[in-house]
Amino acid sequence: MPFPWLECAPPRSDGEDHRVTAATSELASRAGVLYRLGFTQADATARLAAAVAWEYDSGQHGTPATFRRPPALADAAIAKIVADTFARRPG
């Protein structure tokens, strides 16, 4: 008896770009929340960088390449996302 739900779809050709886009928009949203909560830009950057590091770098040894932190989510890139969000003064 075949199980059609057992077959996996092939990965998207733009999967990495799609994940990075989703992650950066989520970081911008979180930075807006932290701004509204009264966090300083430095504290928000440190908090978001720590969250990304935990998500991607916590199991670095033996981690498949799909779960390693992409260069677009480096600490400097996170700092730029936070700075851009704080400059907009989201309210």
C-alpha atoms as a PDB file:
ATOM      1  CA  MET A   1       0.000   0.000   0.000  1.00  0.00           C
ATOM      2  CA  PRO A   2       1.585   3.354  -1.025  1.00  0.00           C
ATOM      3  CA  PHE A   3       1.650   6.304   1.368  1.00  0.00           C
ATOM      4  CA  PRO A   4       1.608   9.561  -0.630  1.00  0.00           C
ATOM      5  CA  TRP A   5       2.197  11.666   2.479  1.00  0.00           C
ATOM      6  CA  LEU A   6       5.501   9.876   3.016  1.00  0.00           C
ATOM      7  CA  GLU A   7       7.047  11.331  -0.132  1.00  0.00           C
ATOM      8  CA  CYS A   8       8.965  14.582   0.379  1.00  0.00           C
ATOM      9  CA  ALA A   9       8.758  17.498  -1.982  1.00  0.00           C
ATOM     10  CA  PRO A  10      12.066  18.539  -3.539  1.00  0.00           C
ATOM     11  CA  PRO A  11      13.690  21.532  -1.828  1.00  0.00           C
ATOM     12  CA  ARG A  12      13.036  24.978  -3.247  1.00  0.00           C
ATOM     13  CA  SER A  13      15.746  26.412  -5.444  1.00  0.00           C
ATOM     14  CA  ASP A  14      15.495  29.717  -3.555  1.00  0.00           C
ATOM     15  CA  GLY A  15      15.110  28.125  -0.130  1.00  0.00           C
ATOM     16  CA  GLU A  16      18.139  29.770   1.478  1.00  0.00           C
ATOM     17  CA  ASP A  17      17.146  33.224   0.235  1.00  0.00           C
ATOM     18  CA  HIS A  18      13.582  32.654   1.382  1.00  0.00           C
ATOM     19  CA  ARG A  19      14.708  31.665   4.899  1.00  0.00           C
ATOM     20  CA  VAL A  20      17.039  34.670   5.168  1.00  0.00           C
ATOM     21  CA  THR A  21      14.285  37.041   4.025  1.00  0.00           C
ATOM     22  CA  ALA A  22      11.884  35.597   6.592  1.00  0.00           C
ATOM     23  CA  ALA A  23      14.508  35.782   9.345  1.00  0.00           C
ATOM     24  CA  THR A  24      15.436  39.399   8.612  1.00  0.00           C
ATOM     25  CA  SER A  25      11.806  40.527   8.564  1.00  0.00           C
ATOM     26  CA  GLU A  26      11.244  38.728  11.866  1.00  0.00           C
ATOM     27  CA  LEU A  27      14.299  40.443  13.355  1.00  0.00           C
ATOM     28  CA  ALA A  28      12.996  43.837  12.207  1.00  0.00           C
ATOM     29  CA  SER A  29       9.638  43.070  13.788  1.00  0.00           C
ATOM     30  CA  ARG A  30      11.265  41.999  17.058  1.00  0.00           C
ATOM     31  CA  ALA A  31      13.445  45.114  17.025  1.00  0.00           C
ATOM     32  CA  GLY A  32      10.284  47.212  16.707  1.00  0.00           C
ATOM     33  CA  VAL A  33       8.769  45.467  19.712  1.00  0.00           C
ATOM     34  CA  LEU A  34      11.939  46.000  21.742  1.00  0.00           C
ATOM     35  CA  TYR A  35      11.940  49.689  20.737  1.00  0.00           C
ATOM     36  CA  ARG A  36       8.355  50.076  21.926  1.00  0.00           C
ATOM     37  CA  LEU A  37       9.249  48.307  25.183  1.00  0.00           C
ATOM     38  CA  GLY A  38      11.949  50.914  25.840  1.00  0.00           C
ATOM     39  CA  PHE A  39      15.091  48.868  25.142  1.00  0.00           C
ATOM     40  CA  THR A  40      18.170  50.758  24.050  1.00  0.00           C
ATOM     41  CA  GLN A  41      19.549  50.060  20.606  1.00  0.00           C
ATOM     42  CA  ALA A  42      22.585  48.311  22.092  1.00  0.00           C
ATOM     43  CA  ASP A  43      20.461  46.113  24.358  1.00  0.00           C
ATOM     44  CA  ALA A  44      18.104  45.195  21.516  1.00  0.00           C
ATOM     45  CA  THR A  45      21.046  44.327  19.271  1.00  0.00           C
ATOM     46  CA  ALA A  46      22.633  42.155  21.948  1.00  0.00           C
ATOM     47  CA  ARG A  47      19.350  40.390  22.682  1.00  0.00           C
ATOM     48  CA  LEU A  48      18.560  39.650  19.032  1.00  0.00           C
ATOM     49  CA  ALA A  49      22.126  38.591  18.244  1.00  0.00           C
ATOM     50  CA  ALA A  50      22.012  36.182  21.186  1.00  0.00           C
ATOM     51  CA  ALA A  51      18.698  34.752  19.974  1.00  0.00           C
ATOM     52  CA  VAL A  52      20.062  34.183  16.469  1.00  0.00           C
ATOM     53  CA  ALA A  53      23.260  32.676  17.852  1.00  0.00           C
ATOM     54  CA  TRP A  54      21.250  30.294  20.011  1.00  0.00           C
ATOM     55  CA  GLU A  55      19.003  29.327  17.105  1.00  0.00           C
ATOM     56  CA  TYR A  56      21.762  28.676  14.585  1.00  0.00           C
ATOM     57  CA  ASP A  57      25.012  28.135  16.474  1.00  0.00           C
ATOM     58  CA  SER A  58      23.955  26.086  19.494  1.00  0.00           C
ATOM     59  CA  GLY A  59      24.705  22.745  17.835  1.00  0.00           C
ATOM     60  CA  GLN A  60      27.503  23.765  15.515  1.00  0.00           C
ATOM     61  CA  HIS A  61      29.455  20.516  15.675  1.00  0.00           C
ATOM     62  CA  GLY A  62      27.768  17.972  13.451  1.00  0.00           C
ATOM     63  CA  THR A  63      25.008  20.383  12.440  1.00  0.00           C
ATOM     64  CA  PRO A  64      23.775  19.995   8.862  1.00  0.00           C
ATOM     65  CA  ALA A  65      24.605  22.897   6.560  1.00  0.00           C
ATOM     66  CA  THR A  66      20.925  23.898   6.336  1.00  0.00           C
ATOM     67  CA  PHE A  67      20.940  24.828  10.031  1.00  0.00           C
ATOM     68  CA  ARG A  68      24.173  26.830  10.118  1.00  0.00           C
ATOM     69  CA  ARG A  69      23.873  30.573  10.426  1.00  0.00           C
ATOM     70  CA  PRO A  70      23.869  32.256   7.016  1.00  0.00           C
ATOM     71  CA  PRO A  71      26.314  35.140   6.518  1.00  0.00           C
ATOM     72  CA  ALA A  72      23.362  37.503   6.047  1.00  0.00           C
ATOM     73  CA  LEU A  73      22.489  36.956   9.730  1.00  0.00           C
ATOM     74  CA  ALA A  74      25.903  37.836  11.143  1.00  0.00           C
ATOM     75  CA  ASP A  75      26.081  40.088  14.196  1.00  0.00           C
ATOM     76  CA  ALA A  76      26.940  43.119  12.054  1.00  0.00           C
ATOM     77  CA  ALA A  77      23.895  42.507   9.845  1.00  0.00           C
ATOM     78  CA  ILE A  78      21.677  42.203  12.926  1.00  0.00           C
ATOM     79  CA  ALA A  79      23.074  45.485  14.249  1.00  0.00           C
ATOM     80  CA  LYS A  80      22.182  47.167  10.941  1.00  0.00           C
ATOM     81  CA  ILE A  81      18.625  45.766  11.031  1.00  0.00           C
ATOM     82  CA  VAL A  82      18.180  47.070  14.575  1.00  0.00           C
ATOM     83  CA  ALA A  83      19.679  50.478  13.702  1.00  0.00           C
ATOM     84  CA  ASP A  84      17.397  50.830  10.677  1.00  0.00           C
ATOM     85  CA  THR A  85      14.360  49.848  12.734  1.00  0.00           C
ATOM     86  CA  PHE A  86      15.206  52.220  15.574  1.00  0.00           C
ATOM     87  CA  ALA A  87      15.799  55.036  13.053  1.00  0.00           C
ATOM     88  CA  ARG A  88      12.217  54.589  11.817  1.00  0.00           C
ATOM     89  CA  ARG A  89      10.947  54.998  15.410  1.00  0.00           C
ATOM     90  CA  PRO A  90       8.215  52.374  15.064  1.00  0.00           C
ATOM     91  CA  GLY A  91       5.154  53.240  17.034  1.00  0.00           C
END
